[in-house]
Amino acid sequence: MFKKVVISVIAISLISGSALAGDFKVTSTDIQEGTQLSSTHVFNSFGCKGKNQSPQLSWSGAPEDTKSFVVTAYDPDAPTGSGWWHWVAFNIPSDVSSLPTNASTSDKMPKGAVQSKTDFGFEHFGGACPPAGEVHRYQFTVYALDVEKLDLDKSASPALVGFMTNSHSLDSAKLTAVYTR
């Protein structure tokens, strides 16, 4: 009898946890899971010809105690040994649930949000531009944090922002697109 009760409690916990874990989602009107990025979101250098605009992103289902958000764009397939950070934005207020297309290089970022260094060396979105013939994944991730602000500025490296983000993350949601040329 005791084993049946324990198994039932574990099963209920797993089912409840799975339902809760799936509540935080990120979507986009510009990109879809697993599909090729358009030229709008491609870098305009290094042999690539694109508009270099950040995609529209919306998120929902963040934990109730979320105090701020971080948005990143990361290519884990870049031939660097450590991937490539295309976008790092943090201190996005908890009442914000979307960013419009090209928010990164326009005046459309939320008040108080900070964009820090990318692997391109600048503080805004840098589009996809993998080596010719390679298919790379571009992971757009929104993190819900338990603090209103990360005590960092625009000179912070992606690794430092990542460390602080992971230290305060309540949950995250990811949308992955691909690009090849």
Protein backbone atom coordinates (compact mmCIF):
# COMPACT_ATOMS: atom_id res chain seq x y z
CA MET A 1 0.00 0.00 0.00
CA PHE A 2 2.80 2.44 0.92
CA LYS A 3 4.49 1.87 -2.47
CA LYS A 4 1.25 2.67 -4.32
CA VAL A 5 0.84 5.93 -2.39
CA VAL A 6 4.45 6.97 -3.03
CA ILE A 7 4.17 6.11 -6.74
CA SER A 8 0.89 8.05 -6.97
CA VAL A 9 2.42 11.12 -5.28
CA ILE A 10 5.46 10.99 -7.59
CA ALA A 11 3.23 10.62 -10.67
CA ILE A 12 1.04 13.57 -9.61
CA SER A 13 4.14 15.68 -8.95
CA LEU A 14 5.60 14.87 -12.36
CA ILE A 15 2.34 15.65 -14.13
CA SER A 16 1.89 18.92 -12.21
CA GLY A 17 5.51 19.94 -12.76
CA SER A 18 5.30 19.23 -16.47
CA ALA A 19 2.18 21.34 -16.83
CA LEU A 20 3.77 24.24 -14.99
CA ALA A 21 7.06 23.98 -16.86
CA GLY A 22 5.26 24.32 -20.19
CA ASP A 23 3.43 27.55 -19.36
CA PHE A 24 6.21 30.02 -20.28
CA LYS A 25 6.33 30.43 -24.06
CA VAL A 26 7.97 32.69 -26.62
CA THR A 27 6.45 33.27 -30.06
CA SER A 28 7.13 35.55 -33.00
CA THR A 29 5.30 36.98 -35.97
CA ASP A 30 8.65 37.08 -37.81
CA ILE A 31 10.14 33.65 -37.15
CA GLN A 32 8.80 30.16 -36.51
CA GLU A 33 10.34 27.18 -34.75
CA GLY A 34 12.75 25.30 -37.03
CA THR A 35 12.26 27.49 -40.09
CA GLN A 36 14.76 29.54 -42.12
CA LEU A 37 15.28 33.16 -41.05
CA SER A 38 14.39 35.75 -43.68
CA SER A 39 16.91 38.28 -44.98
CA THR A 40 15.38 40.78 -42.54
CA HIS A 41 17.22 38.99 -39.71
CA VAL A 42 20.50 38.36 -41.56
CA PHE A 43 23.71 40.31 -40.93
CA ASN A 44 24.81 42.85 -43.54
CA SER A 45 28.56 42.10 -43.65
CA PHE A 46 30.97 39.14 -43.62
CA GLY A 47 29.62 38.19 -47.07
CA CYS A 48 25.98 38.26 -45.97
CA LYS A 49 23.40 40.71 -47.29
CA GLY A 50 20.53 41.30 -44.90
CA LYS A 51 18.69 44.01 -43.01
CA ASN A 52 20.19 43.06 -39.63
CA GLN A 53 16.91 43.60 -37.75
CA SER A 54 15.95 41.87 -34.53
CA PRO A 55 12.76 39.79 -34.86
CA GLN A 56 9.46 40.52 -33.18
CA LEU A 57 9.19 38.43 -30.00
CA SER A 58 6.26 37.92 -27.61
CA TRP A 59 6.18 35.89 -24.42
CA SER A 60 3.51 34.68 -22.06
CA GLY A 61 3.09 32.46 -19.04
CA ALA A 62 6.04 33.80 -17.05
CA PRO A 63 6.13 32.89 -13.36
CA GLU A 64 4.04 35.20 -11.16
CA ASP A 65 7.06 36.42 -9.20
CA THR A 66 8.96 37.57 -12.31
CA LYS A 67 10.59 40.95 -11.76
CA SER A 68 12.39 41.41 -15.10
CA PHE A 69 13.31 39.67 -18.36
CA VAL A 70 16.45 38.95 -20.35
CA VAL A 71 16.34 38.30 -24.11
CA THR A 72 19.22 36.63 -25.94
CA ALA A 73 19.95 35.37 -29.44
CA TYR A 74 22.64 32.71 -29.61
CA ASP A 75 24.17 30.50 -32.32
CA PRO A 76 25.49 27.31 -30.68
CA ASP A 77 26.85 26.10 -34.05
CA ALA A 78 29.31 28.94 -34.69
CA PRO A 79 32.82 27.57 -35.31
CA THR A 80 34.33 29.34 -32.30
CA GLY A 81 34.32 26.65 -29.65
CA SER A 82 31.93 28.79 -27.61
CA GLY A 83 29.09 29.67 -29.99
CA TRP A 84 28.19 33.23 -31.00
CA TRP A 85 26.08 35.78 -29.11
CA HIS A 86 23.93 37.78 -31.55
CA TRP A 87 21.90 39.73 -29.00
CA VAL A 88 21.91 40.31 -25.26
CA ALA A 89 19.23 42.54 -23.70
CA PHE A 90 18.45 42.67 -19.98
CA ASN A 91 16.59 44.68 -17.33
CA ILE A 92 13.45 44.46 -19.43
CA PRO A 93 10.61 45.39 -17.03
CA SER A 94 8.25 42.65 -15.89
CA ASP A 95 5.22 44.41 -17.40
CA VAL A 96 6.70 44.06 -20.91
CA SER A 97 5.64 40.97 -22.86
CA SER A 98 6.88 41.71 -26.38
CA LEU A 99 9.46 43.49 -28.49
CA PRO A 100 8.61 44.72 -31.99
CA THR A 101 10.63 43.96 -35.12
CA ASN A 102 13.86 45.99 -35.15
CA ALA A 103 13.49 47.01 -31.50
CA SER A 104 17.23 46.55 -31.08
CA THR A 105 18.40 49.32 -33.41
CA SER A 106 15.47 51.66 -33.09
CA ASP A 107 13.97 53.58 -30.21
CA LYS A 108 11.59 50.69 -29.48
CA MET A 109 13.42 49.02 -26.59
CA PRO A 110 11.53 49.35 -23.29
CA LYS A 111 12.58 52.10 -20.90
CA GLY A 112 15.30 50.79 -18.56
CA ALA A 113 16.33 47.90 -20.83
CA VAL A 114 20.06 47.51 -21.48
CA GLN A 115 21.62 45.96 -24.56
CA SER A 116 25.15 44.78 -23.91
CA LYS A 117 28.04 43.61 -26.03
CA THR A 118 27.50 40.87 -28.57
CA ASP A 119 30.23 38.83 -30.20
CA PHE A 120 30.13 41.37 -33.03
CA GLY A 121 31.43 43.93 -30.52
CA PHE A 122 28.41 46.23 -30.53
CA GLU A 123 25.37 46.68 -28.28
CA HIS A 124 22.47 45.67 -30.52
CA PHE A 125 21.21 42.71 -32.51
CA GLY A 126 23.54 41.24 -35.12
CA GLY A 127 21.90 38.99 -37.68
CA ALA A 128 22.67 35.48 -38.85
CA CYS A 129 25.69 34.91 -41.07
CA PRO A 130 27.06 31.36 -40.84
CA PRO A 131 29.89 30.13 -43.04
CA ALA A 132 28.63 29.29 -46.56
CA GLY A 133 27.10 25.84 -46.80
CA GLU A 134 26.50 25.40 -43.07
CA VAL A 135 23.10 25.31 -41.37
CA HIS A 136 23.17 27.07 -38.00
CA ARG A 137 20.55 27.29 -35.26
CA TYR A 138 19.60 30.67 -33.81
CA GLN A 139 18.13 30.36 -30.32
CA PHE A 140 15.98 33.29 -29.19
CA THR A 141 15.52 32.84 -25.44
CA VAL A 142 13.53 34.88 -22.94
CA TYR A 143 14.46 34.43 -19.27
CA ALA A 144 12.18 35.41 -16.38
CA LEU A 145 14.25 36.70 -13.45
CA ASP A 146 13.64 37.09 -9.72
CA VAL A 147 15.33 40.53 -9.63
CA GLU A 148 14.28 43.86 -11.14
CA LYS A 149 17.76 44.64 -12.44
CA LEU A 150 21.02 42.94 -13.11
CA ASP A 151 23.75 45.21 -11.76
CA LEU A 152 25.50 45.37 -15.14
CA ASP A 153 25.87 47.90 -17.93
CA LYS A 154 26.22 47.82 -21.72
CA SER A 155 29.91 46.88 -21.49
CA ALA A 156 29.09 43.52 -19.84
CA SER A 157 30.17 40.47 -21.82
CA PRO A 158 27.59 37.88 -22.88
CA ALA A 159 29.24 35.39 -20.50
CA LEU A 160 28.83 37.74 -17.53
CA VAL A 161 25.21 38.49 -18.42
CA GLY A 162 24.66 34.74 -18.80
CA PHE A 163 26.16 34.03 -15.40
CA MET A 164 23.99 36.65 -13.70
CA THR A 165 20.92 35.54 -15.66
CA ASN A 166 21.36 31.91 -14.66
CA SER A 167 21.84 32.97 -11.03
CA HIS A 168 18.42 34.68 -11.05
CA SER A 169 16.41 32.71 -13.60
CA LEU A 170 12.96 31.50 -12.59
CA ASP A 171 12.20 30.00 -16.01
CA SER A 172 13.03 30.41 -19.68
CA ALA A 173 11.35 29.96 -23.05
CA LYS A 174 13.14 29.39 -26.35
CA LEU A 175 12.34 29.72 -30.05
CA THR A 176 14.91 28.28 -32.46
CA ALA A 177 15.14 29.22 -36.14
CA VAL A 178 17.81 28.23 -38.65
CA TYR A 179 19.79 29.90 -41.40
CA THR A 180 22.05 28.73 -44.22
CA ARG A 181 23.54 30.46 -47.22
